[in-house]
Each structure stands twice: as C-alpha cells, then as structure tokens.
N, C-alpha and C. Protein backbone atom coordinates (compact mmCIF):
# COMPACT_ATOMS: atom_id res chain seq x y z
N MET A 1 6.59 20.03 6.45
CA MET A 1 6.10 18.71 6.81
C MET A 1 5.03 18.30 5.81
N ALA A 2 5.07 17.04 5.39
CA ALA A 2 4.11 16.53 4.42
C ALA A 2 2.75 16.36 5.07
N GLN A 3 1.72 16.58 4.26
CA GLN A 3 0.34 16.40 4.72
C GLN A 3 0.05 14.92 4.89
N ARG A 4 -0.64 14.57 5.97
CA ARG A 4 -1.02 13.17 6.20
C ARG A 4 -2.21 12.82 5.30
N GLN A 5 -2.20 11.58 4.83
CA GLN A 5 -3.33 11.07 4.07
C GLN A 5 -4.41 10.64 5.04
N GLU A 6 -5.67 10.91 4.70
CA GLU A 6 -6.77 10.43 5.53
C GLU A 6 -7.08 9.00 5.14
N ALA A 7 -7.35 8.17 6.14
CA ALA A 7 -7.68 6.76 5.89
C ALA A 7 -8.65 6.29 6.96
N THR A 8 -9.43 5.28 6.62
CA THR A 8 -10.36 4.70 7.58
C THR A 8 -9.58 3.87 8.60
N ALA A 9 -10.25 3.55 9.71
CA ALA A 9 -9.63 2.71 10.73
C ALA A 9 -9.25 1.36 10.13
N GLN A 10 -10.11 0.81 9.31
CA GLN A 10 -9.83 -0.50 8.69
C GLN A 10 -8.61 -0.41 7.78
N ALA A 11 -8.49 0.65 7.00
CA ALA A 11 -7.35 0.80 6.09
C ALA A 11 -6.05 0.95 6.88
N ILE A 12 -6.06 1.75 7.95
CA ILE A 12 -4.86 1.92 8.77
C ILE A 12 -4.48 0.60 9.43
N GLN A 13 -5.46 -0.12 9.95
CA GLN A 13 -5.20 -1.42 10.56
C GLN A 13 -4.54 -2.36 9.55
N GLN A 14 -5.04 -2.38 8.35
CA GLN A 14 -4.49 -3.25 7.31
C GLN A 14 -3.06 -2.83 6.95
N ILE A 15 -2.81 -1.54 6.84
CA ILE A 15 -1.46 -1.03 6.55
C ILE A 15 -0.49 -1.46 7.64
N LEU A 16 -0.91 -1.30 8.90
CA LEU A 16 -0.06 -1.69 10.03
C LEU A 16 0.20 -3.19 10.02
N GLN A 17 -0.85 -3.99 9.81
CA GLN A 17 -0.71 -5.44 9.83
C GLN A 17 0.24 -5.90 8.73
N GLN A 18 0.10 -5.34 7.55
CA GLN A 18 0.97 -5.74 6.44
C GLN A 18 2.42 -5.36 6.73
N ALA A 19 2.64 -4.19 7.32
CA ALA A 19 4.00 -3.76 7.65
C ALA A 19 4.63 -4.69 8.69
N VAL A 20 3.88 -5.04 9.72
CA VAL A 20 4.39 -5.95 10.75
C VAL A 20 4.67 -7.32 10.14
N ASP A 21 3.77 -7.81 9.31
CA ASP A 21 3.95 -9.13 8.70
C ASP A 21 5.21 -9.17 7.82
N ARG A 22 5.52 -8.06 7.14
CA ARG A 22 6.72 -8.01 6.30
C ARG A 22 8.00 -8.01 7.14
N LEU A 23 7.97 -7.41 8.32
CA LEU A 23 9.17 -7.21 9.12
C LEU A 23 9.46 -8.31 10.13
N LYS A 24 8.45 -9.00 10.58
CA LYS A 24 8.66 -9.93 11.70
C LYS A 24 9.26 -11.25 11.25
N GLN A 25 9.99 -11.86 12.17
CA GLN A 25 10.47 -13.22 12.00
C GLN A 25 9.31 -14.13 12.42
N PRO A 26 9.30 -15.37 11.97
CA PRO A 26 8.22 -16.27 12.42
C PRO A 26 8.19 -16.33 13.95
N VAL A 27 7.00 -16.24 14.51
CA VAL A 27 6.83 -16.27 15.95
C VAL A 27 6.86 -17.72 16.41
N GLU A 28 7.58 -17.97 17.50
CA GLU A 28 7.69 -19.33 18.03
C GLU A 28 6.30 -19.89 18.29
N GLY A 29 6.08 -21.12 17.88
CA GLY A 29 4.80 -21.76 18.10
C GLY A 29 3.75 -21.36 17.09
N GLY A 30 4.11 -20.55 16.10
CA GLY A 30 3.18 -20.16 15.06
C GLY A 30 2.17 -19.11 15.47
N ALA A 31 2.38 -18.45 16.62
CA ALA A 31 1.45 -17.41 17.06
C ALA A 31 1.47 -16.25 16.08
N GLU A 32 0.37 -15.58 15.97
CA GLU A 32 0.25 -14.42 15.09
C GLU A 32 0.33 -13.12 15.89
N ILE A 33 0.89 -12.10 15.27
CA ILE A 33 0.82 -10.76 15.84
C ILE A 33 -0.36 -10.09 15.16
N VAL A 34 -1.39 -9.77 15.92
CA VAL A 34 -2.60 -9.18 15.37
C VAL A 34 -2.69 -7.73 15.83
N ILE A 35 -2.75 -6.84 14.86
CA ILE A 35 -2.83 -5.41 15.15
C ILE A 35 -4.30 -5.04 15.36
N PRO A 36 -4.63 -4.42 16.50
CA PRO A 36 -6.01 -3.98 16.72
C PRO A 36 -6.31 -2.73 15.90
N PRO A 37 -7.59 -2.43 15.70
CA PRO A 37 -7.92 -1.22 14.95
C PRO A 37 -7.49 0.03 15.70
N PRO A 38 -7.11 1.07 14.97
CA PRO A 38 -6.73 2.32 15.62
C PRO A 38 -7.93 2.97 16.28
N GLN A 39 -7.64 3.74 17.32
CA GLN A 39 -8.68 4.47 18.04
C GLN A 39 -8.42 5.96 17.92
N LEU A 40 -9.50 6.70 17.79
CA LEU A 40 -9.42 8.15 17.71
C LEU A 40 -8.96 8.71 19.04
N VAL A 41 -8.01 9.62 19.00
CA VAL A 41 -7.52 10.31 20.20
C VAL A 41 -7.46 11.80 19.89
N ASP A 42 -7.33 12.61 20.93
CA ASP A 42 -7.14 14.04 20.70
C ASP A 42 -5.88 14.22 19.87
N GLY A 43 -5.94 15.11 18.90
CA GLY A 43 -4.78 15.34 18.05
C GLY A 43 -3.58 15.84 18.84
N ASP A 44 -2.41 15.36 18.47
CA ASP A 44 -1.20 15.84 19.11
C ASP A 44 -0.67 17.05 18.34
N PRO A 45 0.34 17.74 18.85
CA PRO A 45 0.86 18.92 18.15
C PRO A 45 1.33 18.65 16.73
N ALA A 46 1.73 17.42 16.46
CA ALA A 46 2.18 17.07 15.11
C ALA A 46 1.01 16.76 14.17
N GLY A 47 -0.21 16.64 14.71
CA GLY A 47 -1.38 16.43 13.88
C GLY A 47 -1.90 15.01 13.81
N CYS A 48 -1.32 14.10 14.58
CA CYS A 48 -1.81 12.72 14.58
C CYS A 48 -3.04 12.62 15.47
N ASN A 49 -4.08 11.94 14.98
CA ASN A 49 -5.32 11.85 15.74
C ASN A 49 -5.73 10.41 16.07
N TRP A 50 -4.78 9.47 16.04
CA TRP A 50 -5.11 8.09 16.35
C TRP A 50 -3.94 7.39 17.03
N ASP A 51 -4.28 6.27 17.67
CA ASP A 51 -3.28 5.40 18.28
C ASP A 51 -3.90 4.02 18.36
N ILE A 52 -3.08 3.01 18.66
CA ILE A 52 -3.63 1.68 18.87
C ILE A 52 -3.43 1.31 20.33
N PRO A 53 -4.30 0.45 20.85
CA PRO A 53 -4.10 -0.02 22.22
C PRO A 53 -2.74 -0.71 22.32
N GLY A 54 -2.15 -0.72 23.49
CA GLY A 54 -0.83 -1.31 23.67
C GLY A 54 -0.74 -2.76 23.25
N TYR A 55 0.41 -3.12 22.72
CA TYR A 55 0.69 -4.51 22.34
C TYR A 55 1.34 -5.17 23.54
N ASN A 56 0.81 -6.29 23.98
CA ASN A 56 1.29 -6.94 25.20
C ASN A 56 2.06 -8.22 24.95
N GLY A 57 2.52 -8.43 23.74
CA GLY A 57 3.25 -9.65 23.43
C GLY A 57 4.73 -9.53 23.77
N ASP A 58 5.51 -10.38 23.13
CA ASP A 58 6.95 -10.42 23.33
C ASP A 58 7.57 -9.03 23.15
N ARG A 59 8.53 -8.72 23.99
CA ARG A 59 9.16 -7.38 23.98
C ARG A 59 9.77 -7.03 22.62
N ILE A 60 10.39 -7.99 21.97
CA ILE A 60 10.99 -7.74 20.66
C ILE A 60 9.91 -7.29 19.67
N TYR A 61 8.78 -7.97 19.70
CA TYR A 61 7.71 -7.62 18.78
C TYR A 61 7.01 -6.34 19.20
N ALA A 62 6.97 -6.05 20.49
CA ALA A 62 6.37 -4.79 20.96
C ALA A 62 7.14 -3.61 20.38
N GLU A 63 8.46 -3.72 20.34
CA GLU A 63 9.28 -2.64 19.76
C GLU A 63 9.02 -2.52 18.26
N LEU A 64 8.88 -3.64 17.57
CA LEU A 64 8.60 -3.62 16.14
C LEU A 64 7.23 -2.98 15.88
N VAL A 65 6.23 -3.39 16.65
CA VAL A 65 4.88 -2.82 16.50
C VAL A 65 4.91 -1.33 16.76
N ALA A 66 5.58 -0.90 17.82
CA ALA A 66 5.65 0.53 18.15
C ALA A 66 6.30 1.32 17.01
N ARG A 67 7.36 0.78 16.43
CA ARG A 67 8.03 1.48 15.33
C ARG A 67 7.12 1.60 14.11
N VAL A 68 6.41 0.53 13.78
CA VAL A 68 5.49 0.55 12.63
C VAL A 68 4.38 1.56 12.87
N VAL A 69 3.85 1.60 14.10
CA VAL A 69 2.78 2.56 14.43
C VAL A 69 3.30 3.98 14.30
N ARG A 70 4.47 4.28 14.84
CA ARG A 70 5.03 5.64 14.75
C ARG A 70 5.19 6.07 13.30
N GLU A 71 5.69 5.17 12.47
CA GLU A 71 5.88 5.50 11.05
C GLU A 71 4.54 5.78 10.37
N ALA A 72 3.54 4.98 10.68
CA ALA A 72 2.22 5.18 10.08
C ALA A 72 1.55 6.44 10.61
N GLN A 73 1.77 6.76 11.88
CA GLN A 73 1.19 7.98 12.45
C GLN A 73 1.73 9.22 11.75
N ALA A 74 2.94 9.14 11.24
CA ALA A 74 3.53 10.27 10.52
C ALA A 74 2.94 10.43 9.13
N SER A 75 2.29 9.37 8.63
CA SER A 75 1.78 9.38 7.26
C SER A 75 0.26 9.41 7.14
N TYR A 76 -0.45 8.96 8.16
CA TYR A 76 -1.91 8.80 8.05
C TYR A 76 -2.64 9.49 9.18
N ARG A 77 -3.79 10.03 8.83
CA ARG A 77 -4.71 10.65 9.78
C ARG A 77 -6.00 9.85 9.70
N LEU A 78 -6.56 9.52 10.87
CA LEU A 78 -7.80 8.73 10.91
C LEU A 78 -8.96 9.57 10.40
N ARG A 79 -9.67 9.04 9.42
CA ARG A 79 -10.85 9.71 8.88
C ARG A 79 -11.98 9.59 9.89
N VAL A 80 -12.53 10.72 10.26
CA VAL A 80 -13.65 10.75 11.20
C VAL A 80 -14.92 10.83 10.38
N GLU A 81 -15.78 9.83 10.57
CA GLU A 81 -17.02 9.79 9.78
C GLU A 81 -18.22 10.05 10.61
C-alpha cells in the first residue's frame, strides 16, 4: 500500500473542493457545493485520520462527495500541528 501524503486541513479541503467542482454538473438554481474542512478522527485500520462532516445536499451530489472523500482519504493524511 502506498504511503499517504501529509497535508493541512486547508490543503485537503481545497483538493476535495477542486475534485467536486471538476466532476459535478451545474447545480439547479446556481447553488454551490461547499466542502467543509476535514476533521481529525481516530485513525482507522487503513491509516486514515480524517473525515468531513456529512453532506446534506441532493442525494446525487452526496454520492459524488462521498466518492471524492474516499479517494482522498486513500491518498492524504491530515497533518497534526
């Protein structure tokens, strides 16, 4: 398994936001999907130590956000300062 890169909460948030912005279709009414900053959690067996609060928007976008978060969790570890 590849080693995760350490990144700040702001950097992870920006990575997630950019990924969602690239993948999403325009939201009806011009609403934005805003990714909250990641929060430190107890590390899981795979070594991920962060998660984001749940996304409560449209179900289609919730699935997209969840997929982007899972992919980023496999690549990034939250830097604890």
